Amino acid sequence: MSRFRGGRELKLIKAAGVLACLVFAQMAGATGKEEIEVRATILKAMENWSALAADANEACYTTSDKAVFFDFTPMQYVGWESYKNEIKKVQDTLQQFKITLNDDLTVRVVGKIAYAHATWKMDFLFKDQTRRHLEGRLTEVLEKQKGKWKIVHEHASVPTPH
C-alpha cells in the first residue's frame, strides 16, 4: 500500500477533482442549453406548420435533397423540396390547421446530433368545412449545421386501429 509523501499529492488530487467537477458541470450546462435550442427548433417547426407556412420551415429543416422524411402518406419523401411541396398541396386544402405536441417531448443531445420524440394532436378544418382530428407520434433527428439546429429526419405516424 502506497502512502502519500506529504500534502502536495493530496492537493493535486483535490485540484484534479475540482477541475473534473467544473468540466462536467460546464458540459451539463452546454447540453441543457443545446436541449433548449433543439426544443425551440421543433416547437417553431410545429408553429410554422400550424400557420400553414411551409416555406418558413426552411429555417427549421435541412434543405438537403438527400434528407428522408416519413409522413403518413406516401411512404417517404426524399429531399426537403419534395417534402415541402407535398405539404403545401395539403395546406392548400385547409382553412385551419393546428398541431399540438403533448407534454411528453423528450430531447437528447449527443454532440452535434440530437433526437427527440413526442406524441401529438392534429386538428384540421378543410375549406369544405369538414373537420378531422388525429393523434400520433413524432420522432425527430436534428443536426447542428452552421451553428443552428436543423431537422434532418422526421418520422410522423398514427397508430393503426385496434
C-alpha atoms as a PDB file:
ATOM      1  CA  MET A   1       0.000   0.000   0.000  1.00  0.00           C
ATOM      2  CA  SER A   2       1.478   3.302  -1.035  1.00  0.00           C
ATOM      3  CA  ARG A   3       1.431   6.287   1.198  1.00  0.00           C
ATOM      4  CA  PHE A   4       1.359   9.930   0.289  1.00  0.00           C
ATOM      5  CA  ARG A   5       4.661  11.668   0.986  1.00  0.00           C
ATOM      6  CA  GLY A   6       3.012  14.851   2.027  1.00  0.00           C
ATOM      7  CA  GLY A   7       0.287  17.341   1.373  1.00  0.00           C
ATOM      8  CA  ARG A   8       1.426  18.045  -2.183  1.00  0.00           C
ATOM      9  CA  GLU A   9      -0.061  14.872  -3.698  1.00  0.00           C
ATOM     10  CA  LEU A  10      -3.301  15.352  -1.781  1.00  0.00           C
ATOM     11  CA  LYS A  11      -3.575  18.937  -3.070  1.00  0.00           C
ATOM     12  CA  LEU A  12      -3.029  17.737  -6.643  1.00  0.00           C
ATOM     13  CA  ILE A  13      -5.741  15.087  -6.268  1.00  0.00           C
ATOM     14  CA  LYS A  14      -8.168  17.657  -4.821  1.00  0.00           C
ATOM     15  CA  ALA A  15      -7.357  20.126  -7.616  1.00  0.00           C
ATOM     16  CA  ALA A  16      -7.916  17.434 -10.274  1.00  0.00           C
ATOM     17  CA  GLY A  17     -11.245  16.533  -8.637  1.00  0.00           C
ATOM     18  CA  VAL A  18     -12.394  20.155  -8.610  1.00  0.00           C
ATOM     19  CA  LEU A  19     -11.307  20.589 -12.234  1.00  0.00           C
ATOM     20  CA  ALA A  20     -13.184  17.441 -13.265  1.00  0.00           C
ATOM     21  CA  CYS A  21     -16.331  18.688 -11.487  1.00  0.00           C
ATOM     22  CA  LEU A  22     -16.084  22.053 -13.261  1.00  0.00           C
ATOM     23  CA  VAL A  23     -15.632  20.407 -16.659  1.00  0.00           C
ATOM     24  CA  PHE A  24     -18.606  18.085 -16.115  1.00  0.00           C
ATOM     25  CA  ALA A  25     -20.746  20.963 -14.831  1.00  0.00           C
ATOM     26  CA  GLN A  26     -19.891  23.027 -17.909  1.00  0.00           C
ATOM     27  CA  MET A  27     -20.701  20.083 -20.200  1.00  0.00           C
ATOM     28  CA  ALA A  28     -24.037  19.586 -18.446  1.00  0.00           C
ATOM     29  CA  GLY A  29     -24.810  23.295 -18.836  1.00  0.00           C
ATOM     30  CA  ALA A  30     -23.960  23.181 -22.538  1.00  0.00           C
ATOM     31  CA  THR A  31     -26.158  20.135 -23.010  1.00  0.00           C
ATOM     32  CA  GLY A  32     -29.006  21.912 -21.202  1.00  0.00           C
ATOM     33  CA  LYS A  33     -28.567  24.938 -23.479  1.00  0.00           C
ATOM     34  CA  GLU A  34     -28.449  22.703 -26.556  1.00  0.00           C
ATOM     35  CA  GLU A  35     -31.595  20.852 -25.462  1.00  0.00           C
ATOM     36  CA  ILE A  36     -33.392  24.171 -25.080  1.00  0.00           C
ATOM     37  CA  GLU A  37     -32.321  25.168 -28.615  1.00  0.00           C
ATOM     38  CA  VAL A  38     -33.442  21.813 -30.047  1.00  0.00           C
ATOM     39  CA  ARG A  39     -36.827  22.123 -28.312  1.00  0.00           C
ATOM     40  CA  ALA A  40     -37.203  25.653 -29.673  1.00  0.00           C
ATOM     41  CA  THR A  41     -36.453  24.449 -33.222  1.00  0.00           C
ATOM     42  CA  ILE A  42     -39.035  21.666 -33.003  1.00  0.00           C
ATOM     43  CA  LEU A  43     -41.685  23.923 -31.469  1.00  0.00           C
ATOM     44  CA  LYS A  44     -41.043  26.595 -34.117  1.00  0.00           C
ATOM     45  CA  ALA A  45     -41.452  23.968 -36.861  1.00  0.00           C
ATOM     46  CA  MET A  46     -44.814  22.910 -35.373  1.00  0.00           C
ATOM     47  CA  GLU A  47     -45.838  26.567 -35.121  1.00  0.00           C
ATOM     48  CA  ASN A  48     -44.958  27.096 -38.799  1.00  0.00           C
ATOM     49  CA  TRP A  49     -46.946  24.019 -39.874  1.00  0.00           C
ATOM     50  CA  SER A  50     -49.917  25.281 -37.818  1.00  0.00           C
ATOM     51  CA  ALA A  51     -49.661  28.666 -39.545  1.00  0.00           C
ATOM     52  CA  LEU A  52     -49.784  26.860 -42.927  1.00  0.00           C
ATOM     53  CA  ALA A  53     -46.343  28.346 -43.599  1.00  0.00           C
ATOM     54  CA  ALA A  54     -44.351  25.510 -45.170  1.00  0.00           C
ATOM     55  CA  ASP A  55     -41.795  27.917 -46.679  1.00  0.00           C
ATOM     56  CA  ALA A  56     -40.994  29.301 -43.216  1.00  0.00           C
ATOM     57  CA  ASN A  57     -39.828  25.856 -42.150  1.00  0.00           C
ATOM     58  CA  GLU A  58     -36.691  26.159 -44.250  1.00  0.00           C
ATOM     59  CA  ALA A  59     -35.317  27.792 -41.095  1.00  0.00           C
ATOM     60  CA  CYS A  60     -36.028  24.602 -39.116  1.00  0.00           C
ATOM     61  CA  TYR A  61     -35.359  21.807 -41.614  1.00  0.00           C
ATOM     62  CA  THR A  62     -32.294  20.881 -43.611  1.00  0.00           C
ATOM     63  CA  THR A  63     -32.645  21.790 -47.256  1.00  0.00           C
ATOM     64  CA  SER A  64     -30.688  18.708 -48.324  1.00  0.00           C
ATOM     65  CA  ASP A  65     -32.018  16.808 -51.307  1.00  0.00           C
ATOM     66  CA  LYS A  66     -30.925  13.581 -49.591  1.00  0.00           C
ATOM     67  CA  ALA A  67     -32.841  14.003 -46.318  1.00  0.00           C
ATOM     68  CA  VAL A  68     -35.629  11.482 -45.748  1.00  0.00           C
ATOM     69  CA  PHE A  69     -38.939  12.355 -44.097  1.00  0.00           C
ATOM     70  CA  PHE A  70     -41.548   9.728 -43.191  1.00  0.00           C
ATOM     71  CA  ASP A  71     -45.067  11.095 -43.077  1.00  0.00           C
ATOM     72  CA  PHE A  72     -48.463   9.376 -43.190  1.00  0.00           C
ATOM     73  CA  THR A  73     -48.553   9.091 -46.950  1.00  0.00           C
ATOM     74  CA  PRO A  74     -46.722   8.407 -49.152  1.00  0.00           C
ATOM     75  CA  MET A  75     -44.194   6.108 -47.535  1.00  0.00           C
ATOM     76  CA  GLN A  76     -41.427   8.698 -47.634  1.00  0.00           C
ATOM     77  CA  TYR A  77     -40.249  11.982 -49.053  1.00  0.00           C
ATOM     78  CA  VAL A  78     -36.653  12.318 -50.197  1.00  0.00           C
ATOM     79  CA  GLY A  79     -35.332  15.857 -50.047  1.00  0.00           C
ATOM     80  CA  TRP A  80     -36.699  18.972 -48.378  1.00  0.00           C
ATOM     81  CA  GLU A  81     -38.186  20.408 -51.588  1.00  0.00           C
ATOM     82  CA  SER A  82     -40.207  17.237 -52.202  1.00  0.00           C
ATOM     83  CA  TYR A  83     -41.498  17.226 -48.620  1.00  0.00           C
ATOM     84  CA  LYS A  84     -42.294  20.938 -48.547  1.00  0.00           C
ATOM     85  CA  ASN A  85     -44.084  20.893 -51.915  1.00  0.00           C
ATOM     86  CA  GLU A  86     -46.318  17.959 -50.970  1.00  0.00           C
ATOM     87  CA  ILE A  87     -47.168  19.549 -47.622  1.00  0.00           C
ATOM     88  CA  LYS A  88     -48.077  22.771 -49.443  1.00  0.00           C
ATOM     89  CA  LYS A  89     -50.563  20.812 -51.592  1.00  0.00           C
ATOM     90  CA  VAL A  90     -52.262  19.554 -48.426  1.00  0.00           C
ATOM     91  CA  GLN A  91     -52.147  23.037 -46.882  1.00  0.00           C
ATOM     92  CA  ASP A  92     -53.947  24.406 -49.960  1.00  0.00           C
ATOM     93  CA  THR A  93     -56.985  22.305 -48.980  1.00  0.00           C
ATOM     94  CA  LEU A  94     -57.058  23.650 -45.412  1.00  0.00           C
ATOM     95  CA  GLN A  95     -58.740  26.618 -43.856  1.00  0.00           C
ATOM     96  CA  GLN A  96     -57.156  25.971 -40.453  1.00  0.00           C
ATOM     97  CA  PHE A  97     -54.684  23.513 -39.022  1.00  0.00           C
ATOM     98  CA  LYS A  98     -53.240  23.041 -35.573  1.00  0.00           C
ATOM     99  CA  ILE A  99     -50.606  20.603 -34.388  1.00  0.00           C
ATOM    100  CA  THR A 100     -50.032  20.425 -30.657  1.00  0.00           C
ATOM    101  CA  LEU A 101     -47.214  18.474 -29.093  1.00  0.00           C
ATOM    102  CA  ASN A 102     -48.207  16.829 -25.847  1.00  0.00           C
ATOM    103  CA  ASP A 103     -46.152  17.425 -22.707  1.00  0.00           C
ATOM    104  CA  ASP A 104     -44.021  14.319 -23.333  1.00  0.00           C
ATOM    105  CA  LEU A 105     -41.495  15.927 -25.707  1.00  0.00           C
ATOM    106  CA  THR A 106     -38.154  14.341 -24.845  1.00  0.00           C
ATOM    107  CA  VAL A 107     -34.868  15.641 -26.232  1.00  0.00           C
ATOM    108  CA  ARG A 108     -31.385  14.106 -26.099  1.00  0.00           C
ATOM    109  CA  VAL A 109     -28.289  15.828 -27.440  1.00  0.00           C
ATOM    110  CA  VAL A 110     -25.096  13.957 -28.295  1.00  0.00           C
ATOM    111  CA  GLY A 111     -22.518  16.334 -29.708  1.00  0.00           C
ATOM    112  CA  LYS A 112     -23.825  17.868 -32.946  1.00  0.00           C
ATOM    113  CA  ILE A 113     -26.681  15.355 -33.229  1.00  0.00           C
ATOM    114  CA  ALA A 114     -29.939  15.395 -31.300  1.00  0.00           C
ATOM    115  CA  TYR A 115     -33.018  13.234 -31.297  1.00  0.00           C
ATOM    116  CA  ALA A 116     -36.440  13.882 -29.891  1.00  0.00           C
ATOM    117  CA  HIS A 117     -39.779  12.155 -29.614  1.00  0.00           C
ATOM    118  CA  ALA A 118     -43.268  13.162 -28.598  1.00  0.00           C
ATOM    119  CA  THR A 119     -46.915  12.423 -29.114  1.00  0.00           C
ATOM    120  CA  TRP A 120     -49.186  14.978 -30.730  1.00  0.00           C
ATOM    121  CA  LYS A 121     -52.702  16.022 -31.667  1.00  0.00           C
ATOM    122  CA  MET A 122     -53.685  17.488 -35.039  1.00  0.00           C
ATOM    123  CA  ASP A 123     -56.888  19.308 -35.822  1.00  0.00           C
ATOM    124  CA  PHE A 124     -57.826  20.039 -39.414  1.00  0.00           C
ATOM    125  CA  LEU A 125     -60.545  22.327 -40.755  1.00  0.00           C
ATOM    126  CA  PHE A 126     -60.754  21.853 -44.505  1.00  0.00           C
ATOM    127  CA  LYS A 127     -62.016  24.525 -46.889  1.00  0.00           C
ATOM    128  CA  ASP A 128     -65.170  22.439 -47.440  1.00  0.00           C
ATOM    129  CA  GLN A 129     -65.777  22.828 -43.659  1.00  0.00           C
ATOM    130  CA  THR A 130     -65.134  19.167 -42.796  1.00  0.00           C
ATOM    131  CA  ARG A 131     -63.089  18.541 -39.689  1.00  0.00           C
ATOM    132  CA  ARG A 132     -60.618  15.846 -38.779  1.00  0.00           C
ATOM    133  CA  HIS A 133     -58.747  15.049 -35.589  1.00  0.00           C
ATOM    134  CA  LEU A 134     -55.681  12.800 -35.413  1.00  0.00           C
ATOM    135  CA  GLU A 135     -53.361  11.725 -32.644  1.00  0.00           C
ATOM    136  CA  GLY A 136     -49.954  10.283 -33.301  1.00  0.00           C
ATOM    137  CA  ARG A 137     -46.240  10.025 -32.680  1.00  0.00           C
ATOM    138  CA  LEU A 138     -43.260  12.056 -33.801  1.00  0.00           C
ATOM    139  CA  THR A 139     -39.553  11.316 -33.875  1.00  0.00           C
ATOM    140  CA  GLU A 140     -37.086  13.980 -34.958  1.00  0.00           C
ATOM    141  CA  VAL A 141     -33.355  13.808 -35.660  1.00  0.00           C
ATOM    142  CA  LEU A 142     -31.534  17.116 -35.728  1.00  0.00           C
ATOM    143  CA  GLU A 143     -28.018  18.133 -36.664  1.00  0.00           C
ATOM    144  CA  LYS A 144     -26.221  21.331 -35.757  1.00  0.00           C
ATOM    145  CA  GLN A 145     -25.417  22.955 -39.102  1.00  0.00           C
ATOM    146  CA  LYS A 146     -23.581  26.272 -39.262  1.00  0.00           C
ATOM    147  CA  GLY A 147     -24.466  26.958 -35.617  1.00  0.00           C
ATOM    148  CA  LYS A 148     -28.202  26.198 -35.961  1.00  0.00           C
ATOM    149  CA  TRP A 149     -30.169  23.045 -35.179  1.00  0.00           C
ATOM    150  CA  LYS A 150     -31.869  21.641 -38.282  1.00  0.00           C
ATOM    151  CA  ILE A 151     -34.308  18.748 -38.547  1.00  0.00           C
ATOM    152  CA  VAL A 152     -32.572  16.244 -40.834  1.00  0.00           C
ATOM    153  CA  HIS A 153     -35.028  13.361 -40.420  1.00  0.00           C
ATOM    154  CA  GLU A 154     -38.633  13.214 -39.290  1.00  0.00           C
ATOM    155  CA  HIS A 155     -40.953  10.297 -38.710  1.00  0.00           C
ATOM    156  CA  ALA A 156     -44.604  11.006 -38.016  1.00  0.00           C
ATOM    157  CA  SER A 157     -47.125   8.212 -37.659  1.00  0.00           C
ATOM    158  CA  VAL A 158     -50.539   7.372 -36.317  1.00  0.00           C
ATOM    159  CA  PRO A 159     -51.364   4.137 -34.540  1.00  0.00           C
ATOM    160  CA  THR A 160     -53.274   1.536 -36.512  1.00  0.00           C
ATOM    161  CA  PRO A 161     -56.819   0.858 -35.339  1.00  0.00           C
ATOM    162  CA  HIS A 162     -57.143  -1.918 -32.779  1.00  0.00           C
END
